[in-house]
């Protein structure tokens, strides 16, 4: 169940990061993975995941793709996201 607005990845960063700085991990977050990045190479995926590292390290954040992973994302890239490759 969604309890907040659906945001594009760019808007997510512009909107959520400042709110997270203000409220800390009391503001629980879910999402933030740009599924378009998952169609790119490993370096692009790793760079994208590193951009979310501060929120992960702070806690109260679950990085995930909104809705479904699109069919044009190679399975190997999904494994990179899941940390199994």
N, C-alpha and C. Protein backbone atom coordinates (compact mmCIF):
# COMPACT_ATOMS: atom_id res chain seq x y z
N UNK A 1 0.85 -1.17 0.00
CA UNK A 1 0.00 0.00 0.00
C UNK A 1 0.90 1.24 0.00
N UNK A 2 0.61 2.16 -0.88
CA UNK A 2 1.36 3.41 -0.96
C UNK A 2 0.80 4.40 0.05
N UNK A 3 1.71 5.10 0.72
CA UNK A 3 1.27 6.11 1.68
C UNK A 3 1.81 7.48 1.31
N UNK A 4 2.22 7.64 0.07
CA UNK A 4 2.78 8.92 -0.35
C UNK A 4 2.69 9.07 -1.84
N UNK A 5 3.22 10.17 -2.35
CA UNK A 5 3.12 10.45 -3.78
C UNK A 5 4.04 9.55 -4.59
N UNK A 6 3.65 9.28 -5.84
CA UNK A 6 4.53 8.59 -6.77
C UNK A 6 5.41 9.63 -7.43
N UNK A 7 6.70 9.44 -7.34
CA UNK A 7 7.64 10.45 -7.82
C UNK A 7 8.60 9.85 -8.83
N UNK A 8 8.97 10.62 -9.83
CA UNK A 8 10.02 10.19 -10.75
C UNK A 8 11.33 10.13 -9.97
N UNK A 9 12.31 9.36 -10.47
CA UNK A 9 13.60 9.30 -9.74
C UNK A 9 14.23 10.68 -9.54
N UNK A 10 14.16 11.54 -10.54
CA UNK A 10 14.75 12.88 -10.40
C UNK A 10 14.00 13.67 -9.33
N UNK A 11 12.69 13.65 -9.38
CA UNK A 11 11.88 14.36 -8.39
C UNK A 11 12.08 13.74 -7.01
N UNK A 12 12.22 12.43 -6.97
CA UNK A 12 12.45 11.72 -5.71
C UNK A 12 13.65 12.33 -5.00
N UNK A 13 14.75 12.48 -5.74
CA UNK A 13 15.96 13.03 -5.13
C UNK A 13 15.79 14.49 -4.73
N UNK A 14 15.14 15.27 -5.57
CA UNK A 14 14.96 16.70 -5.28
C UNK A 14 14.00 16.91 -4.11
N UNK A 15 13.03 16.04 -3.96
CA UNK A 15 11.98 16.20 -2.96
C UNK A 15 12.32 15.47 -1.66
N UNK A 16 12.76 14.23 -1.80
CA UNK A 16 12.95 13.37 -0.63
C UNK A 16 14.24 13.68 0.13
N UNK A 17 15.36 13.88 -0.56
CA UNK A 17 16.62 14.09 0.14
C UNK A 17 16.55 15.27 1.11
N UNK A 18 16.01 16.43 0.69
CA UNK A 18 15.89 17.54 1.65
C UNK A 18 14.96 17.21 2.83
N UNK A 19 13.87 16.51 2.56
CA UNK A 19 12.98 16.12 3.66
C UNK A 19 13.66 15.16 4.61
N UNK A 20 14.46 14.26 4.05
CA UNK A 20 15.16 13.30 4.90
C UNK A 20 16.17 14.02 5.79
N UNK A 21 16.83 15.05 5.25
CA UNK A 21 17.77 15.82 6.07
C UNK A 21 17.04 16.52 7.21
N UNK A 22 15.84 16.97 6.94
CA UNK A 22 15.07 17.69 7.95
C UNK A 22 14.54 16.75 9.03
N UNK A 23 13.99 15.60 8.63
CA UNK A 23 13.31 14.71 9.57
C UNK A 23 14.13 13.49 9.99
N UNK A 24 15.27 13.26 9.33
CA UNK A 24 16.08 12.10 9.66
C UNK A 24 15.37 10.80 9.33
N UNK A 25 15.80 9.72 9.96
CA UNK A 25 15.21 8.43 9.60
C UNK A 25 13.81 8.21 10.19
N UNK A 26 13.28 9.23 10.86
CA UNK A 26 11.87 9.15 11.25
C UNK A 26 10.99 9.13 10.00
N UNK A 27 11.51 9.69 8.90
CA UNK A 27 10.82 9.65 7.63
C UNK A 27 11.26 8.37 6.93
N UNK A 28 10.42 7.34 6.98
CA UNK A 28 10.73 6.05 6.36
C UNK A 28 10.54 6.16 4.86
N UNK A 29 11.48 5.56 4.12
CA UNK A 29 11.45 5.66 2.67
C UNK A 29 11.52 4.29 2.01
N UNK A 30 10.88 4.20 0.86
CA UNK A 30 10.85 2.98 0.07
C UNK A 30 10.89 3.41 -1.38
N UNK A 31 11.75 2.83 -2.19
CA UNK A 31 11.80 3.17 -3.61
C UNK A 31 13.14 3.75 -4.00
N UNK A 32 13.12 4.68 -4.93
CA UNK A 32 14.31 5.41 -5.34
C UNK A 32 15.15 4.79 -6.43
N UNK A 33 14.93 3.50 -6.74
CA UNK A 33 15.70 2.87 -7.82
C UNK A 33 15.09 3.27 -9.15
N UNK A 34 15.91 3.85 -10.01
CA UNK A 34 15.47 4.26 -11.35
C UNK A 34 15.56 3.05 -12.27
N UNK A 35 14.42 2.51 -12.64
CA UNK A 35 14.42 1.30 -13.47
C UNK A 35 15.07 1.53 -14.83
N UNK A 36 15.13 2.76 -15.28
CA UNK A 36 15.81 3.05 -16.56
C UNK A 36 17.31 2.83 -16.45
N UNK A 37 17.86 3.02 -15.26
CA UNK A 37 19.29 2.77 -15.05
C UNK A 37 19.61 1.29 -15.15
N UNK A 38 18.64 0.44 -14.87
CA UNK A 38 18.86 -1.00 -14.88
C UNK A 38 19.04 -1.56 -16.29
N UNK A 39 18.72 -0.78 -17.30
CA UNK A 39 18.93 -1.23 -18.68
C UNK A 39 20.35 -0.92 -19.16
N UNK A 40 21.11 -0.21 -18.35
CA UNK A 40 22.47 0.21 -18.73
C UNK A 40 23.51 -0.80 -18.26
N UNK A 41 24.77 -0.44 -18.36
CA UNK A 41 25.85 -1.35 -17.98
C UNK A 41 26.07 -1.36 -16.46
N UNK A 42 26.92 -2.28 -16.04
CA UNK A 42 27.18 -2.47 -14.61
C UNK A 42 27.66 -1.18 -13.95
N UNK A 43 28.53 -0.45 -14.62
CA UNK A 43 29.06 0.79 -14.02
C UNK A 43 27.93 1.78 -13.74
N UNK A 44 27.02 1.94 -14.68
CA UNK A 44 25.90 2.86 -14.48
C UNK A 44 25.01 2.41 -13.32
N UNK A 45 24.79 1.11 -13.24
CA UNK A 45 23.96 0.59 -12.14
C UNK A 45 24.67 0.81 -10.80
N UNK A 46 25.96 0.49 -10.76
CA UNK A 46 26.72 0.68 -9.52
C UNK A 46 26.75 2.15 -9.10
N UNK A 47 26.94 3.04 -10.07
CA UNK A 47 26.93 4.48 -9.77
C UNK A 47 25.58 4.91 -9.20
N UNK A 48 24.52 4.41 -9.80
CA UNK A 48 23.17 4.74 -9.33
C UNK A 48 22.97 4.24 -7.89
N UNK A 49 23.38 3.02 -7.63
CA UNK A 49 23.21 2.47 -6.28
C UNK A 49 24.07 3.23 -5.27
N UNK A 50 25.27 3.63 -5.67
CA UNK A 50 26.12 4.42 -4.77
C UNK A 50 25.48 5.76 -4.41
N UNK A 51 24.71 6.31 -5.35
CA UNK A 51 24.05 7.60 -5.06
C UNK A 51 23.02 7.48 -3.95
N UNK A 52 22.54 6.26 -3.73
CA UNK A 52 21.55 6.02 -2.67
C UNK A 52 22.19 5.55 -1.36
N UNK A 53 23.48 5.31 -1.39
CA UNK A 53 24.18 4.77 -0.22
C UNK A 53 23.99 5.59 1.05
N UNK A 54 24.02 6.93 0.99
CA UNK A 54 23.84 7.69 2.23
C UNK A 54 22.50 7.38 2.93
N UNK A 55 21.45 7.21 2.14
CA UNK A 55 20.15 6.89 2.74
C UNK A 55 20.15 5.48 3.33
N UNK A 56 20.76 4.54 2.64
CA UNK A 56 20.83 3.16 3.12
C UNK A 56 21.61 3.11 4.43
N UNK A 57 22.75 3.79 4.47
CA UNK A 57 23.59 3.79 5.67
C UNK A 57 22.90 4.44 6.86
N UNK A 58 22.08 5.42 6.58
CA UNK A 58 21.36 6.12 7.65
C UNK A 58 20.27 5.23 8.27
N UNK A 59 19.73 4.34 7.48
CA UNK A 59 18.67 3.46 7.96
C UNK A 59 17.29 4.02 7.65
N UNK A 60 16.28 3.15 7.75
CA UNK A 60 14.92 3.59 7.48
C UNK A 60 14.63 3.77 6.00
N UNK A 61 15.47 3.20 5.14
CA UNK A 61 15.29 3.32 3.70
C UNK A 61 15.45 1.96 3.05
N UNK A 62 14.47 1.58 2.24
CA UNK A 62 14.52 0.34 1.48
C UNK A 62 14.59 0.70 0.01
N UNK A 63 15.77 0.55 -0.62
CA UNK A 63 15.87 0.86 -2.05
C UNK A 63 15.20 -0.22 -2.87
N UNK A 64 14.29 0.16 -3.72
CA UNK A 64 13.60 -0.79 -4.57
C UNK A 64 13.05 -0.08 -5.80
N UNK A 65 12.70 -0.87 -6.79
CA UNK A 65 12.07 -0.35 -8.00
C UNK A 65 10.58 -0.19 -7.71
N UNK A 66 10.01 0.91 -8.16
CA UNK A 66 8.56 1.06 -8.01
C UNK A 66 7.86 0.11 -8.97
N UNK A 67 6.79 -0.45 -8.54
CA UNK A 67 5.99 -1.38 -9.35
C UNK A 67 6.82 -2.58 -9.79
N UNK A 68 7.04 -2.75 -11.10
CA UNK A 68 7.73 -3.92 -11.61
C UNK A 68 9.01 -3.55 -12.34
N UNK A 69 9.92 -4.51 -12.41
CA UNK A 69 11.11 -4.34 -13.23
C UNK A 69 10.68 -4.58 -14.67
N UNK A 70 10.95 -3.63 -15.58
CA UNK A 70 10.50 -3.77 -16.96
C UNK A 70 11.13 -4.97 -17.68
N UNK A 71 10.47 -5.48 -18.69
CA UNK A 71 10.99 -6.65 -19.40
C UNK A 71 12.27 -6.39 -20.19
N UNK A 72 12.62 -5.12 -20.43
CA UNK A 72 13.86 -4.84 -21.18
C UNK A 72 15.09 -4.81 -20.27
N UNK A 73 14.93 -5.08 -18.98
CA UNK A 73 16.06 -5.16 -18.06
C UNK A 73 16.61 -6.58 -18.12
N UNK A 74 17.87 -6.73 -18.55
CA UNK A 74 18.46 -8.08 -18.59
C UNK A 74 18.50 -8.70 -17.19
N UNK A 75 18.32 -9.99 -17.14
CA UNK A 75 18.33 -10.70 -15.86
C UNK A 75 19.66 -10.47 -15.13
N UNK A 76 20.76 -10.45 -15.88
CA UNK A 76 22.07 -10.20 -15.26
C UNK A 76 22.09 -8.85 -14.55
N UNK A 77 21.44 -7.84 -15.13
CA UNK A 77 21.39 -6.51 -14.50
C UNK A 77 20.52 -6.55 -13.24
N UNK A 78 19.47 -7.33 -13.25
CA UNK A 78 18.64 -7.49 -12.05
C UNK A 78 19.46 -8.12 -10.94
N UNK A 79 20.30 -9.08 -11.30
CA UNK A 79 21.17 -9.71 -10.30
C UNK A 79 22.16 -8.70 -9.73
N UNK A 80 22.64 -7.76 -10.55
CA UNK A 80 23.52 -6.70 -10.03
C UNK A 80 22.77 -5.90 -8.99
N UNK A 81 21.54 -5.53 -9.30
CA UNK A 81 20.71 -4.77 -8.36
C UNK A 81 20.51 -5.53 -7.06
N UNK A 82 20.25 -6.81 -7.17
CA UNK A 82 19.96 -7.60 -5.97
C UNK A 82 21.21 -7.99 -5.20
N UNK A 83 22.39 -7.68 -5.77
CA UNK A 83 23.63 -7.97 -5.06
C UNK A 83 24.09 -9.41 -5.18
N UNK A 84 23.53 -10.14 -6.12
CA UNK A 84 23.92 -11.55 -6.27
C UNK A 84 24.92 -11.75 -7.39
N UNK A 85 25.37 -10.67 -8.03
CA UNK A 85 26.36 -10.80 -9.10
C UNK A 85 27.34 -9.66 -9.07
